[in-house]
Amino acid sequence: MTEFAFLSETPTEWAQSVLEQPLALLVDHAYLERKAASNALELMNRWPGNWTPGWVETMTSIARDETAHLARVTRLLIRRGGKLERLHRNPYANALRQLVRKGGSGELLDRLLISAMIEARSCERFGALAAAARDADFAKLFASLYASELGHYKVFLKLAARIAGRTETDARWKEIVKAEAAILALQAPGPQIHSGYVSNATFLPATASLQRR
């Protein structure tokens, strides 16, 4: 796994397990895409004083991508006989958002880095799911979304460095990478993109610097 700076890698067994409940997995996936679109629009609206060249265009482009993903996931869900839930929770993402330093100069940096982390872990999971899926529709869906989410992850990191500077961004990113590993380890197993797994994670060296991106 060369694209990310995680402290733990998702095992193949996780993907095989969650694919046993495909409709529940699609419901969770649809919710994540909807939340990602809302997040991009909120970032665009809340910090007009921090707009850098291309800010509006970037955020609206991400929101458009995520909405297209939502439509695609929902179509597959309906075709397979499922339906969306009115309410849905993501304990993993909620816990990450608790790390945001609200009300201060670091809030926007944290929002961008948390967005990058959620995109990165989602992307890693999509790769695992694409490799493990025996259903052609699922394999094609997750493989195609991998590249898009990888691009969003990198964009959020670049915007963070542009706004806060590389030194501050690198330092905060290392803290978030460490916190993410602890948060993921606490997640319960189940058919969710950000669920936990019973087996122990494979721990990797902590190479969290943005310098290599």
N, C-alpha and C. Protein backbone atom coordinates (compact mmCIF):
# COMPACT_ATOMS: atom_id res chain seq x y z
N MET A 1 0.86 -1.19 0.00
CA MET A 1 0.00 0.00 0.00
C MET A 1 0.89 1.24 0.00
N THR A 2 1.03 1.88 -1.12
CA THR A 2 2.00 2.96 -1.26
C THR A 2 1.37 4.35 -1.29
N GLU A 3 0.06 4.45 -1.52
CA GLU A 3 -0.55 5.76 -1.69
C GLU A 3 -0.82 6.48 -0.38
N PHE A 4 -0.91 5.76 0.72
CA PHE A 4 -1.40 6.35 1.96
C PHE A 4 -0.36 6.26 3.08
N ALA A 5 -0.62 7.03 4.14
CA ALA A 5 0.30 7.08 5.27
C ALA A 5 -0.34 6.51 6.52
N PHE A 6 -1.16 5.48 6.37
CA PHE A 6 -1.84 4.89 7.51
C PHE A 6 -0.87 4.15 8.43
N LEU A 7 -1.29 3.98 9.68
CA LEU A 7 -0.54 3.14 10.60
C LEU A 7 -1.07 1.71 10.60
N SER A 8 -2.20 1.47 9.95
CA SER A 8 -2.75 0.11 9.86
C SER A 8 -3.33 -0.11 8.48
N GLU A 9 -3.24 -1.31 8.00
CA GLU A 9 -3.73 -1.68 6.68
C GLU A 9 -4.93 -2.60 6.81
N THR A 10 -5.93 -2.39 6.00
CA THR A 10 -7.14 -3.22 6.02
C THR A 10 -6.83 -4.61 5.48
N PRO A 11 -7.14 -5.66 6.25
CA PRO A 11 -6.86 -7.02 5.76
C PRO A 11 -7.91 -7.47 4.74
N THR A 12 -7.52 -8.42 3.92
CA THR A 12 -8.43 -8.97 2.92
C THR A 12 -9.68 -9.55 3.56
N GLU A 13 -9.52 -10.10 4.76
CA GLU A 13 -10.66 -10.71 5.45
C GLU A 13 -11.78 -9.71 5.72
N TRP A 14 -11.41 -8.46 5.94
CA TRP A 14 -12.46 -7.43 6.17
C TRP A 14 -13.34 -7.32 4.93
N ALA A 15 -12.74 -7.19 3.76
CA ALA A 15 -13.51 -7.03 2.53
C ALA A 15 -14.40 -8.24 2.29
N GLN A 16 -13.86 -9.42 2.48
CA GLN A 16 -14.65 -10.64 2.28
C GLN A 16 -15.84 -10.69 3.22
N SER A 17 -15.65 -10.22 4.44
CA SER A 17 -16.71 -10.26 5.44
C SER A 17 -17.84 -9.28 5.11
N VAL A 18 -17.50 -8.02 4.80
CA VAL A 18 -18.55 -7.03 4.59
C VAL A 18 -19.30 -7.29 3.29
N LEU A 19 -18.67 -7.93 2.31
CA LEU A 19 -19.34 -8.25 1.06
C LEU A 19 -20.38 -9.35 1.21
N GLU A 20 -20.42 -9.99 2.37
CA GLU A 20 -21.45 -10.98 2.63
C GLU A 20 -22.81 -10.33 2.86
N GLN A 21 -22.82 -9.01 3.12
CA GLN A 21 -24.07 -8.26 3.30
C GLN A 21 -24.07 -7.08 2.33
N PRO A 22 -24.20 -7.35 1.05
CA PRO A 22 -23.99 -6.31 0.03
C PRO A 22 -24.97 -5.15 0.09
N LEU A 23 -26.24 -5.41 0.40
CA LEU A 23 -27.21 -4.31 0.42
C LEU A 23 -26.94 -3.36 1.58
N ALA A 24 -26.62 -3.90 2.74
CA ALA A 24 -26.28 -3.04 3.88
C ALA A 24 -25.03 -2.23 3.59
N LEU A 25 -24.08 -2.83 2.89
CA LEU A 25 -22.85 -2.12 2.52
C LEU A 25 -23.16 -0.98 1.56
N LEU A 26 -24.05 -1.21 0.60
CA LEU A 26 -24.42 -0.15 -0.34
C LEU A 26 -25.16 0.98 0.34
N VAL A 27 -26.01 0.67 1.30
CA VAL A 27 -26.71 1.71 2.06
C VAL A 27 -25.70 2.60 2.77
N ASP A 28 -24.74 1.99 3.43
CA ASP A 28 -23.72 2.75 4.12
C ASP A 28 -22.90 3.58 3.14
N HIS A 29 -22.56 2.99 2.02
CA HIS A 29 -21.77 3.68 0.99
C HIS A 29 -22.52 4.90 0.46
N ALA A 30 -23.81 4.75 0.21
CA ALA A 30 -24.61 5.87 -0.29
C ALA A 30 -24.61 7.02 0.71
N TYR A 31 -24.75 6.68 1.98
CA TYR A 31 -24.73 7.72 3.01
C TYR A 31 -23.40 8.46 3.01
N LEU A 32 -22.30 7.74 2.86
CA LEU A 32 -20.99 8.37 2.86
C LEU A 32 -20.84 9.33 1.69
N GLU A 33 -21.34 8.94 0.52
CA GLU A 33 -21.24 9.81 -0.64
C GLU A 33 -22.09 11.08 -0.44
N ARG A 34 -23.25 10.92 0.14
CA ARG A 34 -24.10 12.09 0.42
C ARG A 34 -23.42 13.03 1.41
N LYS A 35 -22.82 12.48 2.44
CA LYS A 35 -22.13 13.30 3.42
C LYS A 35 -20.92 13.99 2.82
N ALA A 36 -20.21 13.31 1.94
CA ALA A 36 -19.03 13.90 1.30
C ALA A 36 -19.41 15.08 0.43
N ALA A 37 -20.53 14.97 -0.29
CA ALA A 37 -20.99 16.08 -1.11
C ALA A 37 -21.37 17.27 -0.24
N SER A 38 -22.07 17.01 0.85
CA SER A 38 -22.48 18.08 1.77
C SER A 38 -21.26 18.75 2.40
N ASN A 39 -20.26 17.95 2.73
CA ASN A 39 -19.05 18.49 3.33
C ASN A 39 -18.33 19.46 2.40
N ALA A 40 -18.23 19.10 1.13
CA ALA A 40 -17.55 19.97 0.16
C ALA A 40 -18.29 21.31 0.02
N LEU A 41 -19.61 21.26 -0.02
CA LEU A 41 -20.38 22.50 -0.15
C LEU A 41 -20.28 23.34 1.11
N GLU A 42 -20.23 22.69 2.27
CA GLU A 42 -20.09 23.43 3.51
C GLU A 42 -18.72 24.12 3.59
N LEU A 43 -17.69 23.43 3.17
CA LEU A 43 -16.36 24.03 3.14
C LEU A 43 -16.34 25.26 2.24
N MET A 44 -17.02 25.18 1.12
CA MET A 44 -17.07 26.31 0.20
C MET A 44 -17.80 27.50 0.83
N ASN A 45 -18.86 27.22 1.56
CA ASN A 45 -19.72 28.30 2.09
C ASN A 45 -19.20 28.94 3.37
N ARG A 46 -18.52 28.17 4.21
CA ARG A 46 -18.22 28.65 5.55
C ARG A 46 -16.97 29.52 5.63
N TRP A 47 -16.06 29.40 4.69
CA TRP A 47 -14.80 30.13 4.80
C TRP A 47 -14.52 30.98 3.56
N PRO A 48 -15.42 31.89 3.21
CA PRO A 48 -15.15 32.72 2.02
C PRO A 48 -13.91 33.57 2.15
N GLY A 49 -13.53 33.95 3.40
CA GLY A 49 -12.32 34.75 3.59
C GLY A 49 -11.05 33.99 3.31
N ASN A 50 -11.15 32.65 3.27
CA ASN A 50 -9.97 31.82 3.03
C ASN A 50 -9.92 31.27 1.62
N TRP A 51 -10.80 31.74 0.77
CA TRP A 51 -10.79 31.24 -0.60
C TRP A 51 -9.46 31.53 -1.26
N THR A 52 -8.85 30.53 -1.79
CA THR A 52 -7.65 30.67 -2.59
C THR A 52 -8.05 30.48 -4.05
N PRO A 53 -7.21 30.83 -4.99
CA PRO A 53 -7.57 30.63 -6.40
C PRO A 53 -8.00 29.19 -6.67
N GLY A 54 -9.17 29.04 -7.23
CA GLY A 54 -9.69 27.72 -7.55
C GLY A 54 -10.49 27.07 -6.43
N TRP A 55 -10.62 27.73 -5.28
CA TRP A 55 -11.32 27.14 -4.13
C TRP A 55 -12.76 26.76 -4.48
N VAL A 56 -13.52 27.71 -5.00
CA VAL A 56 -14.92 27.46 -5.32
C VAL A 56 -15.05 26.36 -6.37
N GLU A 57 -14.24 26.47 -7.41
CA GLU A 57 -14.30 25.48 -8.47
C GLU A 57 -13.95 24.08 -7.95
N THR A 58 -12.96 24.00 -7.07
CA THR A 58 -12.55 22.71 -6.53
C THR A 58 -13.64 22.09 -5.68
N MET A 59 -14.21 22.87 -4.77
CA MET A 59 -15.22 22.33 -3.88
C MET A 59 -16.49 21.94 -4.62
N THR A 60 -16.90 22.75 -5.58
CA THR A 60 -18.09 22.38 -6.35
C THR A 60 -17.82 21.15 -7.22
N SER A 61 -16.59 21.01 -7.70
CA SER A 61 -16.25 19.82 -8.49
C SER A 61 -16.30 18.57 -7.63
N ILE A 62 -15.77 18.66 -6.39
CA ILE A 62 -15.82 17.51 -5.49
C ILE A 62 -17.26 17.16 -5.15
N ALA A 63 -18.07 18.19 -4.86
CA ALA A 63 -19.48 17.95 -4.55
C ALA A 63 -20.19 17.29 -5.72
N ARG A 64 -19.87 17.71 -6.94
CA ARG A 64 -20.48 17.13 -8.13
C ARG A 64 -20.06 15.67 -8.29
N ASP A 65 -18.79 15.38 -8.06
CA ASP A 65 -18.31 14.00 -8.14
C ASP A 65 -19.03 13.11 -7.13
N GLU A 66 -19.11 13.60 -5.89
CA GLU A 66 -19.70 12.78 -4.83
C GLU A 66 -21.20 12.56 -5.08
N THR A 67 -21.87 13.57 -5.63
CA THR A 67 -23.29 13.41 -5.95
C THR A 67 -23.47 12.37 -7.06
N ALA A 68 -22.57 12.39 -8.04
CA ALA A 68 -22.62 11.38 -9.10
C ALA A 68 -22.38 9.99 -8.54
N HIS A 69 -21.46 9.88 -7.58
CA HIS A 69 -21.22 8.59 -6.94
C HIS A 69 -22.46 8.13 -6.18
N LEU A 70 -23.10 9.07 -5.48
CA LEU A 70 -24.33 8.75 -4.75
C LEU A 70 -25.38 8.18 -5.69
N ALA A 71 -25.57 8.84 -6.84
CA ALA A 71 -26.57 8.36 -7.80
C ALA A 71 -26.23 6.96 -8.29
N ARG A 72 -24.96 6.73 -8.54
CA ARG A 72 -24.54 5.41 -9.06
C ARG A 72 -24.76 4.32 -8.03
N VAL A 73 -24.37 4.58 -6.78
CA VAL A 73 -24.54 3.60 -5.71
C VAL A 73 -26.02 3.34 -5.47
N THR A 74 -26.82 4.40 -5.48
CA THR A 74 -28.24 4.25 -5.23
C THR A 74 -28.92 3.44 -6.34
N ARG A 75 -28.52 3.66 -7.59
CA ARG A 75 -29.10 2.88 -8.68
C ARG A 75 -28.82 1.40 -8.52
N LEU A 76 -27.58 1.07 -8.12
CA LEU A 76 -27.24 -0.34 -7.91
C LEU A 76 -28.02 -0.91 -6.73
N LEU A 77 -28.15 -0.12 -5.67
CA LEU A 77 -28.90 -0.56 -4.50
C LEU A 77 -30.34 -0.88 -4.86
N ILE A 78 -31.00 0.01 -5.59
CA ILE A 78 -32.40 -0.20 -5.98
C ILE A 78 -32.53 -1.39 -6.92
N ARG A 79 -31.60 -1.50 -7.84
CA ARG A 79 -31.64 -2.61 -8.80
C ARG A 79 -31.53 -3.96 -8.09
N ARG A 80 -30.82 -3.96 -6.95
CA ARG A 80 -30.66 -5.21 -6.20
C ARG A 80 -31.75 -5.40 -5.15
N GLY A 81 -32.74 -4.50 -5.12
CA GLY A 81 -33.87 -4.68 -4.22
C GLY A 81 -33.76 -3.98 -2.88
N GLY A 82 -32.80 -3.11 -2.72
CA GLY A 82 -32.64 -2.39 -1.46
C GLY A 82 -33.22 -0.99 -1.52
N LYS A 83 -33.12 -0.28 -0.41
CA LYS A 83 -33.58 1.11 -0.35
C LYS A 83 -32.76 1.86 0.69
N LEU A 84 -32.73 3.18 0.55
CA LEU A 84 -31.96 4.00 1.47
C LEU A 84 -32.65 4.11 2.82
N GLU A 85 -31.86 4.34 3.86
CA GLU A 85 -32.39 4.58 5.20
C GLU A 85 -32.57 6.08 5.40
N ARG A 86 -33.55 6.43 6.22
CA ARG A 86 -33.75 7.84 6.53
C ARG A 86 -32.64 8.37 7.43
N LEU A 87 -32.23 7.57 8.40
CA LEU A 87 -31.18 7.96 9.34
C LEU A 87 -30.05 6.95 9.26
N HIS A 88 -28.83 7.45 9.35
CA HIS A 88 -27.67 6.57 9.28
C HIS A 88 -26.51 7.26 10.01
N ARG A 89 -25.70 6.49 10.69
CA ARG A 89 -24.59 7.05 11.46
C ARG A 89 -23.27 6.41 11.04
N ASN A 90 -22.22 7.21 11.17
CA ASN A 90 -20.87 6.74 10.88
C ASN A 90 -20.00 7.08 12.08
N PRO A 91 -19.87 6.17 13.05
CA PRO A 91 -19.09 6.47 14.25
C PRO A 91 -17.64 6.82 13.96
N TYR A 92 -17.07 6.21 12.94
CA TYR A 92 -15.68 6.49 12.57
C TYR A 92 -15.51 7.94 12.15
N ALA A 93 -16.31 8.39 11.20
CA ALA A 93 -16.21 9.77 10.72
C ALA A 93 -16.56 10.76 11.83
N ASN A 94 -17.58 10.43 12.62
CA ASN A 94 -17.97 11.32 13.72
C ASN A 94 -16.83 11.50 14.71
N ALA A 95 -16.13 10.41 15.01
CA ALA A 95 -15.02 10.50 15.95
C ALA A 95 -13.88 11.34 15.37
N LEU A 96 -13.61 11.19 14.09
CA LEU A 96 -12.57 12.01 13.46
C LEU A 96 -12.94 13.49 13.51
N ARG A 97 -14.20 13.79 13.28
CA ARG A 97 -14.61 15.20 13.28
C ARG A 97 -14.51 15.82 14.66
N GLN A 98 -14.51 15.00 15.69
CA GLN A 98 -14.32 15.53 17.05
C GLN A 98 -12.91 16.08 17.25
N LEU A 99 -11.99 15.74 16.37
CA LEU A 99 -10.62 16.24 16.47
C LEU A 99 -10.49 17.68 15.98
N VAL A 100 -11.49 18.19 15.28
CA VAL A 100 -11.41 19.54 14.72
C VAL A 100 -11.36 20.58 15.83
N ARG A 101 -10.40 21.48 15.75
CA ARG A 101 -10.24 22.56 16.73
C ARG A 101 -11.15 23.71 16.32
N LYS A 102 -12.36 23.70 16.86
CA LYS A 102 -13.39 24.62 16.41
C LYS A 102 -13.19 26.03 16.94
N GLY A 103 -13.48 26.99 16.07
CA GLY A 103 -13.48 28.39 16.48
C GLY A 103 -12.15 29.10 16.39
N GLY A 104 -11.09 28.40 16.06
CA GLY A 104 -9.77 29.01 16.00
C GLY A 104 -9.20 28.99 14.61
N SER A 105 -7.97 29.44 14.52
CA SER A 105 -7.31 29.51 13.21
C SER A 105 -7.04 28.12 12.63
N GLY A 106 -7.04 27.10 13.49
CA GLY A 106 -6.75 25.75 13.01
C GLY A 106 -7.98 24.99 12.53
N GLU A 107 -9.15 25.60 12.61
CA GLU A 107 -10.37 24.86 12.26
C GLU A 107 -10.39 24.46 10.79
N LEU A 108 -10.10 25.39 9.90
CA LEU A 108 -10.15 25.07 8.49
C LEU A 108 -9.09 24.02 8.13
N LEU A 109 -7.89 24.16 8.68
CA LEU A 109 -6.86 23.15 8.43
C LEU A 109 -7.35 21.77 8.86
N ASP A 110 -7.92 21.68 10.05
CA ASP A 110 -8.40 20.40 10.55
C ASP A 110 -9.52 19.85 9.69
N ARG A 111 -10.42 20.71 9.25
CA ARG A 111 -11.52 20.25 8.41
C ARG A 111 -10.99 19.66 7.10
N LEU A 112 -10.00 20.30 6.53
CA LEU A 112 -9.43 19.80 5.29
C LEU A 112 -8.69 18.48 5.50
N LEU A 113 -7.95 18.38 6.61
CA LEU A 113 -7.19 17.16 6.87
C LEU A 113 -8.10 15.99 7.24
N ILE A 114 -9.16 16.26 7.99
CA ILE A 114 -10.12 15.20 8.31
C ILE A 114 -10.81 14.74 7.03
N SER A 115 -11.15 15.68 6.17
CA SER A 115 -11.75 15.32 4.88
C SER A 115 -10.79 14.44 4.08
N ALA A 116 -9.52 14.81 4.07
CA ALA A 116 -8.51 14.02 3.37
C ALA A 116 -8.42 12.61 3.95
N MET A 117 -8.44 12.51 5.27
CA MET A 117 -8.32 11.20 5.91
C MET A 117 -9.50 10.30 5.59
N ILE A 118 -10.71 10.85 5.64
CA ILE A 118 -11.90 10.05 5.33
C ILE A 118 -11.87 9.57 3.89
N GLU A 119 -11.46 10.46 2.98
CA GLU A 119 -11.34 10.07 1.58
C GLU A 119 -10.27 8.99 1.41
N ALA A 120 -9.17 9.14 2.10
CA ALA A 120 -8.07 8.18 1.97
C ALA A 120 -8.47 6.80 2.46
N ARG A 121 -9.08 6.74 3.64
CA ARG A 121 -9.47 5.43 4.16
C ARG A 121 -10.57 4.82 3.30
N SER A 122 -11.50 5.64 2.82
CA SER A 122 -12.53 5.13 1.92
C SER A 122 -11.89 4.55 0.66
N CYS A 123 -10.93 5.27 0.13
CA CYS A 123 -10.24 4.83 -1.08
C CYS A 123 -9.53 3.50 -0.85
N GLU A 124 -8.84 3.38 0.26
CA GLU A 124 -8.15 2.14 0.57
C GLU A 124 -9.14 0.98 0.68
N ARG A 125 -10.28 1.26 1.30
CA ARG A 125 -11.30 0.22 1.44
C ARG A 125 -11.90 -0.15 0.08
N PHE A 126 -12.11 0.84 -0.80
CA PHE A 126 -12.63 0.54 -2.13
C PHE A 126 -11.68 -0.39 -2.88
N GLY A 127 -10.39 -0.15 -2.73
CA GLY A 127 -9.42 -1.01 -3.38
C GLY A 127 -9.51 -2.44 -2.87
N ALA A 128 -9.67 -2.59 -1.55
CA ALA A 128 -9.79 -3.93 -0.97
C ALA A 128 -11.07 -4.61 -1.44
N LEU A 129 -12.16 -3.84 -1.52
CA LEU A 129 -13.44 -4.40 -1.95
C LEU A 129 -13.41 -4.81 -3.42
N ALA A 130 -12.80 -3.98 -4.25
CA ALA A 130 -12.70 -4.30 -5.68
C ALA A 130 -11.93 -5.59 -5.90
N ALA A 131 -10.88 -5.78 -5.12
CA ALA A 131 -10.06 -6.98 -5.26
C ALA A 131 -10.77 -8.23 -4.77
N ALA A 132 -11.63 -8.08 -3.76
CA ALA A 132 -12.27 -9.24 -3.15
C ALA A 132 -13.62 -9.58 -3.76
N ALA A 133 -14.25 -8.64 -4.44
CA ALA A 133 -15.61 -8.84 -4.93
C ALA A 133 -15.67 -9.88 -6.04
N ARG A 134 -16.59 -10.82 -5.92
CA ARG A 134 -16.84 -11.79 -6.98
C ARG A 134 -17.99 -11.34 -7.88
N ASP A 135 -18.80 -10.43 -7.38
CA ASP A 135 -19.89 -9.85 -8.16
C ASP A 135 -19.30 -8.79 -9.09
N ALA A 136 -19.53 -8.93 -10.39
CA ALA A 136 -18.91 -8.03 -11.37
C ALA A 136 -19.34 -6.59 -11.19
N ASP A 137 -20.60 -6.35 -10.83
CA ASP A 137 -21.08 -4.98 -10.63
C ASP A 137 -20.37 -4.32 -9.47
N PHE A 138 -20.18 -5.04 -8.39
CA PHE A 138 -19.51 -4.49 -7.22
C PHE A 138 -18.03 -4.24 -7.52
N ALA A 139 -17.40 -5.20 -8.17
CA ALA A 139 -15.98 -5.03 -8.48
C ALA A 139 -15.76 -3.81 -9.37
N LYS A 140 -16.62 -3.63 -10.36
CA LYS A 140 -16.50 -2.49 -11.27
C LYS A 140 -16.76 -1.17 -10.54
N LEU A 141 -17.78 -1.16 -9.68
CA LEU A 141 -18.11 0.05 -8.93
C LEU A 141 -16.94 0.50 -8.06
N PHE A 142 -16.43 -0.38 -7.24
CA PHE A 142 -15.38 0.00 -6.30
C PHE A 142 -14.07 0.33 -7.00
N ALA A 143 -13.77 -0.38 -8.07
CA ALA A 143 -12.54 -0.08 -8.80
C ALA A 143 -12.60 1.30 -9.44
N SER A 144 -13.76 1.67 -9.97
CA SER A 144 -13.88 2.97 -10.64
C SER A 144 -13.87 4.12 -9.64
N LEU A 145 -14.40 3.89 -8.44
CA LEU A 145 -14.44 4.95 -7.44
C LEU A 145 -13.07 5.17 -6.79
N TYR A 146 -12.21 4.18 -6.84
CA TYR A 146 -10.89 4.29 -6.21
C TYR A 146 -10.14 5.51 -6.73
N ALA A 147 -10.06 5.66 -8.04
CA ALA A 147 -9.28 6.75 -8.64
C ALA A 147 -9.85 8.11 -8.27
N SER A 148 -11.18 8.22 -8.28
CA SER A 148 -11.81 9.50 -7.97
C SER A 148 -11.55 9.92 -6.53
N GLU A 149 -11.72 8.99 -5.60
CA GLU A 149 -11.51 9.31 -4.19
C GLU A 149 -10.04 9.58 -3.89
N LEU A 150 -9.16 8.90 -4.61
CA LEU A 150 -7.73 9.17 -4.45
C LEU A 150 -7.42 10.62 -4.84
N GLY A 151 -8.03 11.07 -5.90
CA GLY A 151 -7.84 12.46 -6.32
C GLY A 151 -8.36 13.44 -5.30
N HIS A 152 -9.51 13.16 -4.70
CA HIS A 152 -10.06 14.07 -3.68
C HIS A 152 -9.14 14.14 -2.47
N TYR A 153 -8.64 13.00 -2.05
CA TYR A 153 -7.71 12.94 -0.92
C TYR A 153 -6.51 13.85 -1.15
N LYS A 154 -5.92 13.77 -2.33
CA LYS A 154 -4.74 14.57 -2.63
C LYS A 154 -5.08 16.06 -2.73
N VAL A 155 -6.25 16.37 -3.25
CA VAL A 155 -6.66 17.77 -3.37
C VAL A 155 -6.83 18.40 -2.00
N PHE A 156 -7.46 17.68 -1.07
CA PHE A 156 -7.65 18.22 0.27
C PHE A 156 -6.30 18.47 0.95
N LEU A 157 -5.34 17.57 0.76
CA LEU A 157 -4.02 17.76 1.36
C LEU A 157 -3.31 18.97 0.76
N LYS A 158 -3.42 19.14 -0.54
CA LYS A 158 -2.77 20.28 -1.19
C LYS A 158 -3.37 21.60 -0.74
N LEU A 159 -4.69 21.64 -0.61
CA LEU A 159 -5.34 22.86 -0.13
C LEU A 159 -4.92 23.18 1.30
N ALA A 160 -4.81 22.15 2.13
CA ALA A 160 -4.39 22.37 3.51
C ALA A 160 -3.00 22.99 3.56
N ALA A 161 -2.06 22.45 2.77
CA ALA A 161 -0.70 22.98 2.76
C ALA A 161 -0.67 24.39 2.19
N ARG A 162 -1.51 24.68 1.23
CA ARG A 162 -1.55 26.01 0.64
C ARG A 162 -2.06 27.05 1.64
N ILE A 163 -3.00 26.66 2.47
CA ILE A 163 -3.62 27.60 3.41
C ILE A 163 -2.81 27.75 4.69
N ALA A 164 -2.31 26.63 5.23
CA ALA A 164 -1.63 26.67 6.54
C ALA A 164 -0.12 26.58 6.44
N GLY A 165 0.43 26.26 5.27
CA GLY A 165 1.86 26.05 5.15
C GLY A 165 2.20 24.59 5.35
N ARG A 166 3.27 24.15 4.71
CA ARG A 166 3.60 22.73 4.75
C ARG A 166 4.05 22.26 6.13
N THR A 167 4.80 23.08 6.86
CA THR A 167 5.30 22.65 8.17
C THR A 167 4.16 22.38 9.13
N GLU A 168 3.25 23.33 9.25
CA GLU A 168 2.11 23.15 10.16
C GLU A 168 1.22 22.01 9.69
N THR A 169 1.02 21.91 8.40
CA THR A 169 0.17 20.85 7.85
C THR A 169 0.76 19.48 8.11
N ASP A 170 2.05 19.31 7.87
CA ASP A 170 2.70 18.03 8.13
C ASP A 170 2.58 17.62 9.59
N ALA A 171 2.81 18.57 10.49
CA ALA A 171 2.76 18.26 11.91
C ALA A 171 1.36 17.83 12.34
N ARG A 172 0.36 18.54 11.87
CA ARG A 172 -1.02 18.21 12.25
C ARG A 172 -1.45 16.91 11.58
N TRP A 173 -1.02 16.66 10.36
CA TRP A 173 -1.36 15.43 9.67
C TRP A 173 -0.84 14.21 10.42
N LYS A 174 0.38 14.30 10.94
CA LYS A 174 0.93 13.18 11.71
C LYS A 174 0.07 12.88 12.94
N GLU A 175 -0.44 13.92 13.58
CA GLU A 175 -1.31 13.73 14.75
C GLU A 175 -2.61 13.05 14.34
N ILE A 176 -3.16 13.45 13.22
CA ILE A 176 -4.43 12.88 12.76
C ILE A 176 -4.24 11.43 12.31
N VAL A 177 -3.13 11.14 11.66
CA VAL A 177 -2.85 9.76 11.26
C VAL A 177 -2.80 8.85 12.49
N LYS A 178 -2.16 9.30 13.53
CA LYS A 178 -2.07 8.51 14.77
C LYS A 178 -3.45 8.34 15.40
N ALA A 179 -4.22 9.42 15.46
CA ALA A 179 -5.55 9.36 16.05
C ALA A 179 -6.47 8.45 15.23
N GLU A 180 -6.34 8.50 13.90
CA GLU A 180 -7.18 7.67 13.05
C GLU A 180 -6.98 6.19 13.31
N ALA A 181 -5.75 5.79 13.53
CA ALA A 181 -5.48 4.38 13.81
C ALA A 181 -6.18 3.92 15.08
N ALA A 182 -6.17 4.78 16.10
CA ALA A 182 -6.83 4.45 17.36
C ALA A 182 -8.35 4.41 17.19
N ILE A 183 -8.89 5.35 16.42
CA ILE A 183 -10.33 5.40 16.19
C ILE A 183 -10.79 4.17 15.41
N LEU A 184 -10.06 3.82 14.36
CA LEU A 184 -10.45 2.66 13.56
C LEU A 184 -10.41 1.38 14.37
N ALA A 185 -9.44 1.27 15.27
CA ALA A 185 -9.31 0.07 16.09
C ALA A 185 -10.50 -0.13 17.02
N LEU A 186 -11.24 0.94 17.31
CA LEU A 186 -12.39 0.87 18.21
C LEU A 186 -13.70 0.58 17.49
N GLN A 187 -13.68 0.56 16.15
CA GLN A 187 -14.92 0.37 15.41
C GLN A 187 -15.38 -1.09 15.45
N ALA A 188 -16.69 -1.26 15.55
CA ALA A 188 -17.26 -2.61 15.57
C ALA A 188 -17.26 -3.20 14.16
N PRO A 189 -17.14 -4.52 14.04
CA PRO A 189 -17.24 -5.15 12.73
C PRO A 189 -18.65 -4.97 12.17
N GLY A 190 -18.80 -5.04 10.86
CA GLY A 190 -20.12 -4.95 10.25
C GLY A 190 -20.02 -4.46 8.82
N PRO A 191 -21.15 -4.44 8.10
CA PRO A 191 -21.15 -4.09 6.68
C PRO A 191 -21.14 -2.59 6.44
N GLN A 192 -20.08 -1.93 6.89
CA GLN A 192 -19.89 -0.50 6.67
C GLN A 192 -18.50 -0.26 6.09
N ILE A 193 -18.39 0.78 5.29
CA ILE A 193 -17.10 1.10 4.66
C ILE A 193 -16.01 1.35 5.70
N HIS A 194 -16.39 1.93 6.84
CA HIS A 194 -15.39 2.27 7.85
C HIS A 194 -15.52 1.41 9.11
N SER A 195 -16.01 0.19 8.95
CA SER A 195 -16.16 -0.69 10.11
C SER A 195 -14.83 -1.26 10.55
N GLY A 196 -14.83 -1.85 11.74
CA GLY A 196 -13.63 -2.49 12.25
C GLY A 196 -13.56 -3.94 11.78
N TYR A 197 -12.60 -4.64 12.28
CA TYR A 197 -12.44 -6.04 11.93
C TYR A 197 -11.89 -6.78 13.13
N VAL A 198 -12.20 -8.06 13.19
CA VAL A 198 -11.85 -8.85 14.36
C VAL A 198 -10.36 -9.10 14.45
N SER A 199 -9.73 -9.43 13.32
CA SER A 199 -8.29 -9.72 13.34
C SER A 199 -7.51 -8.45 13.59
N ASN A 200 -6.32 -8.60 14.12
CA ASN A 200 -5.48 -7.44 14.41
C ASN A 200 -5.00 -6.79 13.12
N ALA A 201 -4.91 -5.45 13.14
CA ALA A 201 -4.42 -4.72 11.98
C ALA A 201 -2.94 -5.01 11.77
N THR A 202 -2.51 -4.90 10.54
CA THR A 202 -1.09 -5.00 10.21
C THR A 202 -0.48 -3.61 10.32
N PHE A 203 0.38 -3.41 11.28
CA PHE A 203 0.91 -2.08 11.51
C PHE A 203 2.12 -1.81 10.61
N LEU A 204 2.12 -0.62 10.05
CA LEU A 204 3.13 -0.20 9.09
C LEU A 204 3.95 0.94 9.68
N PRO A 205 5.11 1.22 9.14
CA PRO A 205 5.90 2.35 9.61
C PRO A 205 5.13 3.66 9.45
N ALA A 206 5.30 4.56 10.39
CA ALA A 206 4.59 5.84 10.36
C ALA A 206 5.31 6.82 9.45
N THR A 207 4.93 6.83 8.16
CA THR A 207 5.53 7.75 7.19
C THR A 207 4.47 8.74 6.78
N ALA A 208 4.15 9.69 7.65
CA ALA A 208 3.00 10.54 7.45
C ALA A 208 3.31 11.90 6.84
N SER A 209 4.53 12.15 6.43
CA SER A 209 4.87 13.46 5.88
C SER A 209 4.23 13.70 4.54
N LEU A 210 3.88 14.94 4.29
CA LEU A 210 3.32 15.30 2.99
C LEU A 210 4.42 15.54 1.95
N GLN A 211 5.66 15.49 2.33
CA GLN A 211 6.73 15.84 1.42
C GLN A 211 6.77 14.96 0.18
N ARG A 212 6.32 13.72 0.29
CA ARG A 212 6.43 12.79 -0.83
C ARG A 212 5.22 12.85 -1.75
N ARG A 213 4.24 13.73 -1.46
CA ARG A 213 3.07 13.83 -2.32
C ARG A 213 3.28 14.87 -3.39
